[in-house]
Structures are given as structure tokens and as C-alpha cells.
Amino acid sequence: MMEIIKTDIEGLLIIEPRVHGDARGYFMEIFSERDFRAATGLDVHFVQDNESMSAKGVLRGMHFQKAPHAQSKLVRVVSGAVQDVAVDLRAGSPTFGRYSSVVLSGENKRMFYIPEGFAHGFLTLEENTVFQYKCGAFYEPSSEGSVRWDDPRIGVEWMQVSGSGWILSEKDRKAPLLSEQPYRF
């Protein structure tokens, strides 16, 4: 079974899987729909798995998909480490515009569940970080949206990465501010 840790934003969950280790190494179950539903009460079905590898200091985000292709995500780090961030974009939510942040690493094996209605991004803290995520809807380019990673309204406190600055795509540099968003979940 897994341990579920609630964050200060409704719906965002940190998941600590049970890891079975011995002299040979370890084994852990990444995801069981049945056990996830029993532990969280959520009926989640994932349809797509993605993986990225990034150099130290890469900042990816803050991305989301609009309805009808909005995505829930279950994210984890296979090797390396990230500061993972989710921003509440749900209209009418008492935590609209607030974010939650967690360090995920190959060492701590934590996962972060992000429901529909959130922008998501991460900053790699180590070289060659391998990041995986399960998605509750297929990727649809026409539904893609983003919010500026450094939006002062949100105020994400990104970690400092020694030896390098942050590396962003041009698309992420030019993402609109939350106040400029034409879309609300």
C-alpha cells in the first residue's frame, strides 16, 4: 500500500509508495488503480505515460491542457531530482492562483498527484534527471496552455541550482501571466 499526504491545496496529493528493499536492490509498485482508488477515494484512469530527461537547471512549465482534454497527472522522478510545482487554476477555488511545491527524487521515490485544473512545471536539481508522468487524458496540442513560470501573482519560490542558471524554452519564457489568461477551468 502507499501513504497519502495531503497538501494545503485540495486535490494535490503527495504519494509515498511502499518500497521493498534488500541486498539485491528494491521493488516498488508504481501504480495500482485499485489501490489508488482505495487510498484516495478518487476514480482515476490514466491513458498516456510520458518521460523526459533534462540537464541540471532546466525549468519546464507551467503547462496545462484545457477541457475537454484537461489532464490529471501522477508524476515521479526515476533518477535525479526536481522541484515539482502545481498551480491551482480552478475557477471559484478558494486557493485559485496558489501553488504547492514538493521535491521528488530517485532517492525519495515520492510521487505527486495533480488533478485537472492545475498548471504544472518542474525545475531539475541534478544532471540527467529522468522524469515520468502518467496522464488522465491524451495530449492535444490545440488544448495546450501555459502560465509564466515567474508570474509575481503566483510567486513560486524556485530553488537555486548551484553551478547554473535556469534553462527555459522560448515558449515557456513567453507564456502569459495569470492575469492575461483567457481560460479558466
N, C-alpha and C. Protein backbone atom coordinates (compact mmCIF):
# COMPACT_ATOMS: atom_id res chain seq x y z
N MET A 1 0.84 -1.18 0.00
CA MET A 1 0.00 0.00 0.00
C MET A 1 0.89 1.24 0.00
N MET A 2 0.30 2.37 -0.14
CA MET A 2 1.02 3.63 -0.21
C MET A 2 0.54 4.56 0.89
N GLU A 3 1.40 5.54 1.21
CA GLU A 3 0.98 6.57 2.16
C GLU A 3 0.59 7.79 1.36
N ILE A 4 -0.57 8.37 1.69
CA ILE A 4 -1.09 9.56 1.02
C ILE A 4 -0.90 10.76 1.95
N ILE A 5 -0.25 11.80 1.44
CA ILE A 5 -0.02 13.02 2.22
C ILE A 5 -0.78 14.15 1.51
N LYS A 6 -1.73 14.75 2.21
CA LYS A 6 -2.48 15.86 1.63
C LYS A 6 -1.64 17.13 1.72
N THR A 7 -1.77 17.98 0.71
CA THR A 7 -1.10 19.27 0.72
C THR A 7 -2.08 20.32 1.22
N ASP A 8 -1.65 21.57 1.24
CA ASP A 8 -2.54 22.64 1.69
C ASP A 8 -3.50 23.09 0.59
N ILE A 9 -3.44 22.46 -0.58
CA ILE A 9 -4.36 22.75 -1.67
C ILE A 9 -5.17 21.50 -1.96
N GLU A 10 -6.48 21.62 -1.84
CA GLU A 10 -7.39 20.49 -2.04
C GLU A 10 -7.14 19.81 -3.38
N GLY A 11 -6.97 18.49 -3.34
CA GLY A 11 -6.81 17.70 -4.56
C GLY A 11 -5.37 17.33 -4.87
N LEU A 12 -4.40 18.13 -4.44
CA LEU A 12 -2.99 17.80 -4.67
C LEU A 12 -2.52 16.83 -3.59
N LEU A 13 -1.93 15.72 -4.01
CA LEU A 13 -1.52 14.68 -3.07
C LEU A 13 -0.07 14.27 -3.30
N ILE A 14 0.66 14.11 -2.22
CA ILE A 14 2.00 13.52 -2.28
C ILE A 14 1.82 12.05 -1.92
N ILE A 15 2.44 11.20 -2.70
CA ILE A 15 2.27 9.76 -2.50
C ILE A 15 3.63 9.14 -2.23
N GLU A 16 3.70 8.41 -1.14
CA GLU A 16 4.92 7.68 -0.80
C GLU A 16 4.63 6.19 -0.96
N PRO A 17 5.20 5.58 -2.01
CA PRO A 17 4.94 4.16 -2.23
C PRO A 17 5.71 3.31 -1.21
N ARG A 18 5.23 2.11 -0.99
CA ARG A 18 5.96 1.16 -0.15
C ARG A 18 7.10 0.59 -1.00
N VAL A 19 8.30 0.69 -0.47
CA VAL A 19 9.49 0.20 -1.17
C VAL A 19 10.01 -1.01 -0.41
N HIS A 20 10.16 -2.12 -1.11
CA HIS A 20 10.68 -3.36 -0.53
C HIS A 20 12.13 -3.49 -0.96
N GLY A 21 13.05 -3.38 -0.03
CA GLY A 21 14.46 -3.44 -0.37
C GLY A 21 15.20 -4.50 0.40
N ASP A 22 16.25 -5.01 -0.22
CA ASP A 22 17.17 -5.93 0.44
C ASP A 22 18.53 -5.80 -0.25
N ALA A 23 19.42 -6.72 0.00
CA ALA A 23 20.78 -6.65 -0.54
C ALA A 23 20.81 -6.63 -2.07
N ARG A 24 19.77 -7.12 -2.71
CA ARG A 24 19.73 -7.17 -4.18
C ARG A 24 19.34 -5.84 -4.79
N GLY A 25 18.63 -5.00 -4.02
CA GLY A 25 18.12 -3.75 -4.55
C GLY A 25 16.74 -3.48 -3.96
N TYR A 26 15.79 -3.06 -4.79
CA TYR A 26 14.45 -2.78 -4.27
C TYR A 26 13.41 -3.12 -5.32
N PHE A 27 12.15 -3.20 -4.84
CA PHE A 27 10.98 -3.36 -5.69
C PHE A 27 9.92 -2.43 -5.14
N MET A 28 9.19 -1.77 -6.05
CA MET A 28 8.04 -0.97 -5.62
C MET A 28 7.00 -0.98 -6.72
N GLU A 29 5.75 -0.96 -6.30
CA GLU A 29 4.64 -0.84 -7.24
C GLU A 29 4.44 0.64 -7.50
N ILE A 30 4.52 1.04 -8.76
CA ILE A 30 4.39 2.44 -9.13
C ILE A 30 2.93 2.88 -9.06
N PHE A 31 2.04 2.09 -9.63
CA PHE A 31 0.64 2.48 -9.65
C PHE A 31 -0.26 1.26 -9.75
N SER A 32 -1.28 1.25 -8.92
CA SER A 32 -2.36 0.27 -8.99
C SER A 32 -3.64 1.08 -8.92
N GLU A 33 -4.44 1.04 -9.96
CA GLU A 33 -5.69 1.79 -9.99
C GLU A 33 -6.57 1.43 -8.79
N ARG A 34 -6.65 0.14 -8.49
CA ARG A 34 -7.47 -0.34 -7.37
C ARG A 34 -6.98 0.24 -6.03
N ASP A 35 -5.66 0.15 -5.79
CA ASP A 35 -5.11 0.64 -4.53
C ASP A 35 -5.17 2.17 -4.44
N PHE A 36 -4.96 2.85 -5.56
CA PHE A 36 -5.05 4.31 -5.57
C PHE A 36 -6.46 4.76 -5.21
N ARG A 37 -7.45 4.10 -5.81
CA ARG A 37 -8.86 4.43 -5.53
C ARG A 37 -9.17 4.16 -4.05
N ALA A 38 -8.70 3.04 -3.53
CA ALA A 38 -8.97 2.70 -2.12
C ALA A 38 -8.32 3.70 -1.17
N ALA A 39 -7.12 4.16 -1.50
CA ALA A 39 -6.38 5.07 -0.61
C ALA A 39 -6.86 6.51 -0.71
N THR A 40 -7.35 6.92 -1.89
CA THR A 40 -7.69 8.34 -2.10
C THR A 40 -9.18 8.60 -2.27
N GLY A 41 -9.92 7.57 -2.66
CA GLY A 41 -11.33 7.76 -2.99
C GLY A 41 -11.53 8.31 -4.38
N LEU A 42 -10.44 8.46 -5.14
CA LEU A 42 -10.51 9.01 -6.49
C LEU A 42 -10.56 7.91 -7.53
N ASP A 43 -11.44 8.07 -8.51
CA ASP A 43 -11.54 7.12 -9.61
C ASP A 43 -10.74 7.69 -10.78
N VAL A 44 -9.46 7.35 -10.84
CA VAL A 44 -8.54 7.91 -11.83
C VAL A 44 -8.16 6.82 -12.83
N HIS A 45 -8.19 7.20 -14.09
CA HIS A 45 -7.79 6.28 -15.15
C HIS A 45 -6.76 7.01 -16.01
N PHE A 46 -5.57 6.44 -16.13
CA PHE A 46 -4.51 7.06 -16.92
C PHE A 46 -4.44 6.43 -18.30
N VAL A 47 -4.20 7.26 -19.33
CA VAL A 47 -4.22 6.79 -20.71
C VAL A 47 -2.89 6.99 -21.45
N GLN A 48 -1.96 7.72 -20.84
CA GLN A 48 -0.71 8.02 -21.53
C GLN A 48 0.39 8.17 -20.49
N ASP A 49 1.57 7.59 -20.77
CA ASP A 49 2.75 7.77 -19.93
C ASP A 49 3.79 8.54 -20.74
N ASN A 50 4.46 9.50 -20.09
CA ASN A 50 5.50 10.30 -20.73
C ASN A 50 6.76 10.26 -19.89
N GLU A 51 7.90 10.49 -20.55
CA GLU A 51 9.17 10.56 -19.85
C GLU A 51 10.03 11.62 -20.49
N SER A 52 10.75 12.36 -19.65
CA SER A 52 11.71 13.33 -20.16
C SER A 52 13.02 13.16 -19.40
N MET A 53 14.11 13.57 -20.04
CA MET A 53 15.41 13.62 -19.39
C MET A 53 15.88 15.04 -19.57
N SER A 54 16.37 15.65 -18.49
CA SER A 54 16.78 17.04 -18.53
C SER A 54 18.10 17.25 -17.81
N ALA A 55 18.85 18.21 -18.30
CA ALA A 55 20.08 18.64 -17.65
C ALA A 55 19.74 19.39 -16.37
N LYS A 56 20.71 19.56 -15.51
CA LYS A 56 20.53 20.34 -14.28
C LYS A 56 20.17 21.78 -14.63
N GLY A 57 19.17 22.31 -13.93
CA GLY A 57 18.77 23.70 -14.12
C GLY A 57 17.70 23.94 -15.16
N VAL A 58 17.18 22.87 -15.77
CA VAL A 58 16.10 23.03 -16.76
C VAL A 58 14.80 23.27 -16.01
N LEU A 59 14.08 24.30 -16.42
CA LEU A 59 12.77 24.61 -15.85
C LEU A 59 11.74 24.40 -16.96
N ARG A 60 10.84 23.46 -16.73
CA ARG A 60 9.77 23.16 -17.69
C ARG A 60 8.43 23.54 -17.06
N GLY A 61 7.71 24.43 -17.72
CA GLY A 61 6.39 24.78 -17.20
C GLY A 61 6.18 26.27 -17.20
N MET A 62 5.01 26.57 -16.84
CA MET A 62 3.91 25.91 -16.16
C MET A 62 2.84 25.57 -17.21
N HIS A 63 2.60 24.30 -17.44
CA HIS A 63 1.74 23.84 -18.53
C HIS A 63 0.42 23.25 -18.02
N PHE A 64 -0.59 23.32 -18.88
CA PHE A 64 -1.88 22.67 -18.61
C PHE A 64 -2.56 22.39 -19.94
N GLN A 65 -3.61 21.57 -19.88
CA GLN A 65 -4.48 21.33 -21.03
C GLN A 65 -5.89 21.72 -20.64
N LYS A 66 -6.57 22.43 -21.55
CA LYS A 66 -7.94 22.89 -21.32
C LYS A 66 -8.94 21.77 -21.63
N ALA A 67 -10.12 21.87 -21.04
CA ALA A 67 -11.20 20.94 -21.34
C ALA A 67 -11.57 21.06 -22.81
N PRO A 68 -11.96 20.02 -23.45
CA PRO A 68 -12.30 18.72 -22.90
C PRO A 68 -11.12 17.77 -22.78
N HIS A 69 -9.90 18.27 -22.91
CA HIS A 69 -8.71 17.43 -22.86
C HIS A 69 -7.87 17.69 -21.61
N ALA A 70 -8.49 18.26 -20.57
CA ALA A 70 -7.77 18.53 -19.33
C ALA A 70 -7.17 17.24 -18.78
N GLN A 71 -5.97 17.36 -18.21
CA GLN A 71 -5.25 16.18 -17.76
C GLN A 71 -5.03 16.18 -16.25
N SER A 72 -5.29 15.05 -15.64
CA SER A 72 -4.76 14.79 -14.31
C SER A 72 -3.40 14.14 -14.55
N LYS A 73 -2.50 14.23 -13.57
CA LYS A 73 -1.16 13.67 -13.74
C LYS A 73 -0.70 13.02 -12.44
N LEU A 74 0.07 11.97 -12.59
CA LEU A 74 0.79 11.36 -11.48
C LEU A 74 2.25 11.40 -11.91
N VAL A 75 3.06 12.20 -11.22
CA VAL A 75 4.44 12.45 -11.64
C VAL A 75 5.43 11.86 -10.65
N ARG A 76 6.60 11.48 -11.18
CA ARG A 76 7.67 10.92 -10.35
C ARG A 76 9.01 11.10 -11.03
N VAL A 77 10.06 10.98 -10.26
CA VAL A 77 11.43 11.04 -10.77
C VAL A 77 12.03 9.65 -10.65
N VAL A 78 12.59 9.16 -11.76
CA VAL A 78 13.25 7.86 -11.77
C VAL A 78 14.68 8.01 -11.25
N SER A 79 15.40 9.01 -11.77
CA SER A 79 16.75 9.30 -11.30
C SER A 79 16.97 10.80 -11.34
N GLY A 80 17.75 11.29 -10.39
CA GLY A 80 17.96 12.72 -10.27
C GLY A 80 16.96 13.30 -9.28
N ALA A 81 16.65 14.61 -9.45
CA ALA A 81 15.74 15.28 -8.52
C ALA A 81 15.14 16.52 -9.18
N VAL A 82 13.92 16.85 -8.78
CA VAL A 82 13.24 18.06 -9.26
C VAL A 82 12.53 18.75 -8.11
N GLN A 83 12.31 20.04 -8.30
CA GLN A 83 11.33 20.77 -7.52
C GLN A 83 10.09 20.76 -8.40
N ASP A 84 9.04 20.10 -7.95
CA ASP A 84 7.82 19.97 -8.74
C ASP A 84 6.79 20.96 -8.19
N VAL A 85 6.09 21.64 -9.10
CA VAL A 85 5.17 22.71 -8.71
C VAL A 85 3.84 22.55 -9.44
N ALA A 86 2.74 22.73 -8.71
CA ALA A 86 1.40 22.75 -9.31
C ALA A 86 0.69 24.02 -8.84
N VAL A 87 0.03 24.71 -9.79
CA VAL A 87 -0.68 25.96 -9.52
C VAL A 87 -2.16 25.74 -9.75
N ASP A 88 -2.97 26.11 -8.78
CA ASP A 88 -4.43 25.94 -8.86
C ASP A 88 -5.01 26.98 -9.83
N LEU A 89 -5.63 26.49 -10.92
CA LEU A 89 -6.28 27.36 -11.91
C LEU A 89 -7.79 27.15 -11.94
N ARG A 90 -8.33 26.47 -10.94
CA ARG A 90 -9.76 26.15 -10.92
C ARG A 90 -10.57 27.39 -10.54
N ALA A 91 -11.45 27.79 -11.45
CA ALA A 91 -12.32 28.95 -11.19
C ALA A 91 -13.15 28.69 -9.94
N GLY A 92 -13.24 29.67 -9.08
CA GLY A 92 -14.03 29.55 -7.87
C GLY A 92 -13.34 28.83 -6.73
N SER A 93 -12.15 28.31 -6.96
CA SER A 93 -11.43 27.61 -5.90
C SER A 93 -10.93 28.63 -4.87
N PRO A 94 -11.03 28.31 -3.58
CA PRO A 94 -10.51 29.24 -2.57
C PRO A 94 -8.99 29.36 -2.63
N THR A 95 -8.33 28.44 -3.32
CA THR A 95 -6.87 28.51 -3.45
C THR A 95 -6.44 28.86 -4.88
N PHE A 96 -7.36 29.46 -5.66
CA PHE A 96 -7.03 29.86 -7.03
C PHE A 96 -5.76 30.72 -7.04
N GLY A 97 -4.82 30.38 -7.93
CA GLY A 97 -3.59 31.14 -8.07
C GLY A 97 -2.50 30.76 -7.08
N ARG A 98 -2.81 29.89 -6.12
CA ARG A 98 -1.78 29.43 -5.17
C ARG A 98 -1.10 28.19 -5.73
N TYR A 99 0.10 27.95 -5.21
CA TYR A 99 0.85 26.79 -5.68
C TYR A 99 1.29 25.92 -4.51
N SER A 100 1.63 24.69 -4.86
CA SER A 100 2.23 23.75 -3.92
C SER A 100 3.48 23.20 -4.58
N SER A 101 4.51 22.96 -3.78
CA SER A 101 5.80 22.52 -4.29
C SER A 101 6.31 21.36 -3.47
N VAL A 102 6.93 20.40 -4.13
CA VAL A 102 7.49 19.23 -3.45
C VAL A 102 8.76 18.80 -4.19
N VAL A 103 9.75 18.33 -3.45
CA VAL A 103 10.94 17.77 -4.08
C VAL A 103 10.70 16.29 -4.32
N LEU A 104 10.84 15.90 -5.58
CA LEU A 104 10.73 14.49 -5.98
C LEU A 104 12.12 14.05 -6.42
N SER A 105 12.50 12.84 -6.03
CA SER A 105 13.82 12.36 -6.44
C SER A 105 13.82 10.86 -6.62
N GLY A 106 14.83 10.38 -7.32
CA GLY A 106 15.01 8.95 -7.45
C GLY A 106 15.26 8.32 -6.09
N GLU A 107 15.83 9.09 -5.19
CA GLU A 107 16.13 8.59 -3.86
C GLU A 107 14.89 8.52 -2.97
N ASN A 108 14.08 9.60 -2.92
CA ASN A 108 12.92 9.56 -2.01
C ASN A 108 11.70 8.84 -2.61
N LYS A 109 11.69 8.65 -3.91
CA LYS A 109 10.67 7.88 -4.63
C LYS A 109 9.25 8.41 -4.46
N ARG A 110 9.10 9.63 -3.96
CA ARG A 110 7.78 10.24 -3.82
C ARG A 110 7.16 10.49 -5.19
N MET A 111 5.82 10.51 -5.20
CA MET A 111 5.06 10.87 -6.39
C MET A 111 4.14 12.02 -6.02
N PHE A 112 3.68 12.75 -7.03
CA PHE A 112 2.80 13.91 -6.81
C PHE A 112 1.60 13.73 -7.72
N TYR A 113 0.41 13.69 -7.13
CA TYR A 113 -0.82 13.59 -7.92
C TYR A 113 -1.36 15.00 -8.12
N ILE A 114 -1.60 15.35 -9.39
CA ILE A 114 -2.09 16.67 -9.77
C ILE A 114 -3.39 16.48 -10.54
N PRO A 115 -4.52 16.90 -9.99
CA PRO A 115 -5.79 16.72 -10.69
C PRO A 115 -5.95 17.72 -11.84
N GLU A 116 -7.00 17.53 -12.63
CA GLU A 116 -7.33 18.50 -13.68
C GLU A 116 -7.52 19.87 -13.03
N GLY A 117 -7.20 20.92 -13.78
CA GLY A 117 -7.41 22.27 -13.28
C GLY A 117 -6.18 22.91 -12.68
N PHE A 118 -5.03 22.30 -12.89
CA PHE A 118 -3.78 22.83 -12.37
C PHE A 118 -2.77 23.00 -13.50
N ALA A 119 -1.96 24.05 -13.39
CA ALA A 119 -0.77 24.18 -14.24
C ALA A 119 0.34 23.43 -13.52
N HIS A 120 1.25 22.86 -14.29
CA HIS A 120 2.30 22.02 -13.71
C HIS A 120 3.64 22.35 -14.34
N GLY A 121 4.67 22.32 -13.52
CA GLY A 121 6.03 22.52 -14.01
C GLY A 121 7.04 21.97 -13.02
N PHE A 122 8.29 21.90 -13.47
CA PHE A 122 9.33 21.42 -12.57
C PHE A 122 10.68 22.00 -12.96
N LEU A 123 11.57 22.05 -11.96
CA LEU A 123 12.94 22.51 -12.11
C LEU A 123 13.85 21.34 -11.75
N THR A 124 14.77 20.98 -12.66
CA THR A 124 15.68 19.87 -12.37
C THR A 124 16.81 20.36 -11.47
N LEU A 125 17.09 19.57 -10.45
CA LEU A 125 18.09 19.91 -9.45
C LEU A 125 19.40 19.15 -9.64
N GLU A 126 19.38 18.14 -10.52
CA GLU A 126 20.57 17.32 -10.77
C GLU A 126 20.69 17.06 -12.27
N GLU A 127 21.91 16.77 -12.69
CA GLU A 127 22.15 16.42 -14.10
C GLU A 127 21.41 15.15 -14.47
N ASN A 128 21.01 15.08 -15.73
CA ASN A 128 20.40 13.88 -16.32
C ASN A 128 19.23 13.35 -15.50
N THR A 129 18.36 14.25 -15.07
CA THR A 129 17.19 13.85 -14.31
C THR A 129 16.15 13.24 -15.24
N VAL A 130 15.67 12.06 -14.87
CA VAL A 130 14.64 11.36 -15.65
C VAL A 130 13.32 11.50 -14.91
N PHE A 131 12.34 12.10 -15.60
CA PHE A 131 11.05 12.46 -15.03
C PHE A 131 9.97 11.70 -15.78
N GLN A 132 9.06 11.05 -15.06
CA GLN A 132 7.96 10.31 -15.69
C GLN A 132 6.63 10.83 -15.19
N TYR A 133 5.63 10.79 -16.09
CA TYR A 133 4.28 11.15 -15.64
C TYR A 133 3.22 10.40 -16.42
N LYS A 134 2.21 10.01 -15.64
CA LYS A 134 1.02 9.37 -16.18
C LYS A 134 -0.01 10.47 -16.37
N CYS A 135 -0.76 10.41 -17.47
CA CYS A 135 -1.75 11.45 -17.78
C CYS A 135 -3.14 10.83 -17.90
N GLY A 136 -4.12 11.57 -17.41
CA GLY A 136 -5.50 11.11 -17.43
C GLY A 136 -6.23 11.42 -18.73
N ALA A 137 -5.56 12.10 -19.65
CA ALA A 137 -6.12 12.38 -20.99
C ALA A 137 -4.97 12.43 -21.97
N PHE A 138 -5.27 12.15 -23.22
CA PHE A 138 -4.25 12.20 -24.25
C PHE A 138 -3.81 13.64 -24.51
N TYR A 139 -2.56 13.81 -24.89
CA TYR A 139 -2.06 15.13 -25.25
C TYR A 139 -2.79 15.63 -26.49
N GLU A 140 -3.26 16.87 -26.43
CA GLU A 140 -3.96 17.50 -27.54
C GLU A 140 -3.39 18.91 -27.71
N PRO A 141 -2.56 19.12 -28.76
CA PRO A 141 -1.90 20.42 -28.94
C PRO A 141 -2.86 21.61 -28.94
N SER A 142 -4.06 21.45 -29.48
CA SER A 142 -4.99 22.58 -29.55
C SER A 142 -5.55 22.97 -28.17
N SER A 143 -5.37 22.11 -27.16
CA SER A 143 -5.85 22.39 -25.81
C SER A 143 -4.75 22.85 -24.86
N GLU A 144 -3.55 22.96 -25.39
CA GLU A 144 -2.40 23.30 -24.55
C GLU A 144 -2.44 24.76 -24.10
N GLY A 145 -2.06 24.99 -22.86
CA GLY A 145 -1.95 26.34 -22.32
C GLY A 145 -0.78 26.42 -21.36
N SER A 146 -0.40 27.63 -21.00
CA SER A 146 0.70 27.80 -20.05
C SER A 146 0.55 29.12 -19.30
N VAL A 147 1.20 29.16 -18.17
CA VAL A 147 1.26 30.34 -17.32
C VAL A 147 2.74 30.62 -17.06
N ARG A 148 3.10 31.90 -17.01
CA ARG A 148 4.50 32.27 -16.80
C ARG A 148 5.06 31.67 -15.53
N TRP A 149 6.22 31.08 -15.64
CA TRP A 149 6.91 30.41 -14.54
C TRP A 149 7.28 31.38 -13.41
N ASP A 150 7.46 32.67 -13.76
CA ASP A 150 7.88 33.66 -12.76
C ASP A 150 6.79 34.71 -12.51
N ASP A 151 5.54 34.33 -12.71
CA ASP A 151 4.42 35.26 -12.51
C ASP A 151 4.44 35.76 -11.06
N PRO A 152 4.55 37.09 -10.86
CA PRO A 152 4.60 37.61 -9.49
C PRO A 152 3.30 37.39 -8.72
N ARG A 153 2.17 37.26 -9.40
CA ARG A 153 0.88 36.99 -8.75
C ARG A 153 0.91 35.63 -8.06
N ILE A 154 1.59 34.66 -8.68
CA ILE A 154 1.69 33.31 -8.12
C ILE A 154 2.84 33.25 -7.12
N GLY A 155 3.98 33.79 -7.49
CA GLY A 155 5.12 33.90 -6.58
C GLY A 155 5.82 32.61 -6.22
N VAL A 156 5.97 31.72 -7.20
CA VAL A 156 6.67 30.46 -6.92
C VAL A 156 8.10 30.78 -6.45
N GLU A 157 8.48 30.19 -5.35
CA GLU A 157 9.84 30.33 -4.84
C GLU A 157 10.67 29.16 -5.38
N TRP A 158 11.22 29.38 -6.57
CA TRP A 158 12.04 28.35 -7.22
C TRP A 158 13.35 28.20 -6.46
N MET A 159 13.81 26.98 -6.36
CA MET A 159 15.06 26.69 -5.66
C MET A 159 16.23 27.21 -6.49
N GLN A 160 17.31 27.52 -5.82
CA GLN A 160 18.54 27.90 -6.51
C GLN A 160 19.26 26.62 -6.92
N VAL A 161 19.83 26.64 -8.12
CA VAL A 161 20.56 25.49 -8.63
C VAL A 161 22.01 25.91 -8.76
N SER A 162 22.87 25.33 -7.95
CA SER A 162 24.28 25.74 -7.96
C SER A 162 24.95 25.36 -9.27
N GLY A 163 25.81 26.25 -9.72
CA GLY A 163 26.61 25.97 -10.91
C GLY A 163 25.92 26.28 -12.23
N SER A 164 24.67 26.70 -12.19
CA SER A 164 24.00 27.02 -13.45
C SER A 164 22.82 27.94 -13.19
N GLY A 165 22.37 28.59 -14.24
CA GLY A 165 21.13 29.35 -14.18
C GLY A 165 20.01 28.47 -14.65
N TRP A 166 18.83 29.01 -14.70
CA TRP A 166 17.70 28.24 -15.18
C TRP A 166 17.67 28.23 -16.70
N ILE A 167 17.35 27.10 -17.27
CA ILE A 167 17.29 26.92 -18.72
C ILE A 167 15.82 26.71 -19.09
N LEU A 168 15.28 27.62 -19.90
CA LEU A 168 13.87 27.56 -20.29
C LEU A 168 13.75 27.54 -21.81
N SER A 169 12.65 26.96 -22.29
CA SER A 169 12.33 27.04 -23.71
C SER A 169 11.83 28.45 -24.00
N GLU A 170 11.88 28.85 -25.25
CA GLU A 170 11.36 30.16 -25.65
C GLU A 170 9.86 30.25 -25.36
N LYS A 171 9.16 29.15 -25.59
CA LYS A 171 7.71 29.10 -25.34
C LYS A 171 7.42 29.38 -23.86
N ASP A 172 8.19 28.77 -22.96
CA ASP A 172 7.96 28.98 -21.53
C ASP A 172 8.34 30.39 -21.10
N ARG A 173 9.37 30.97 -21.70
CA ARG A 173 9.75 32.36 -21.40
C ARG A 173 8.64 33.34 -21.75
N LYS A 174 7.89 33.03 -22.82
CA LYS A 174 6.88 33.95 -23.33
C LYS A 174 5.45 33.61 -22.88
N ALA A 175 5.31 32.66 -21.98
CA ALA A 175 3.97 32.28 -21.51
C ALA A 175 3.27 33.47 -20.88
N PRO A 176 1.95 33.55 -21.00
CA PRO A 176 1.22 34.69 -20.42
C PRO A 176 1.16 34.63 -18.89
N LEU A 177 1.01 35.78 -18.29
CA LEU A 177 0.78 35.87 -16.85
C LEU A 177 -0.62 35.33 -16.53
N LEU A 178 -0.85 34.99 -15.28
CA LEU A 178 -2.16 34.51 -14.85
C LEU A 178 -3.24 35.54 -15.17
N SER A 179 -2.94 36.82 -14.97
CA SER A 179 -3.92 37.89 -15.24
C SER A 179 -4.24 38.04 -16.72
N GLU A 180 -3.39 37.49 -17.58
CA GLU A 180 -3.61 37.56 -19.04
C GLU A 180 -4.26 36.30 -19.58
N GLN A 181 -4.56 35.34 -18.72
CA GLN A 181 -5.12 34.06 -19.17
C GLN A 181 -6.55 34.23 -19.65
N PRO A 182 -6.83 33.81 -20.88
CA PRO A 182 -8.20 33.85 -21.36
C PRO A 182 -9.03 32.67 -20.88
N TYR A 183 -8.38 31.70 -20.22
CA TYR A 183 -9.04 30.45 -19.89
C TYR A 183 -9.08 30.22 -18.39
N ARG A 184 -10.21 29.72 -17.89
CA ARG A 184 -10.35 29.27 -16.51
C ARG A 184 -11.00 27.90 -16.53
N PHE A 185 -10.56 27.01 -15.67
CA PHE A 185 -11.13 25.67 -15.58
C PHE A 185 -12.50 25.74 -14.96
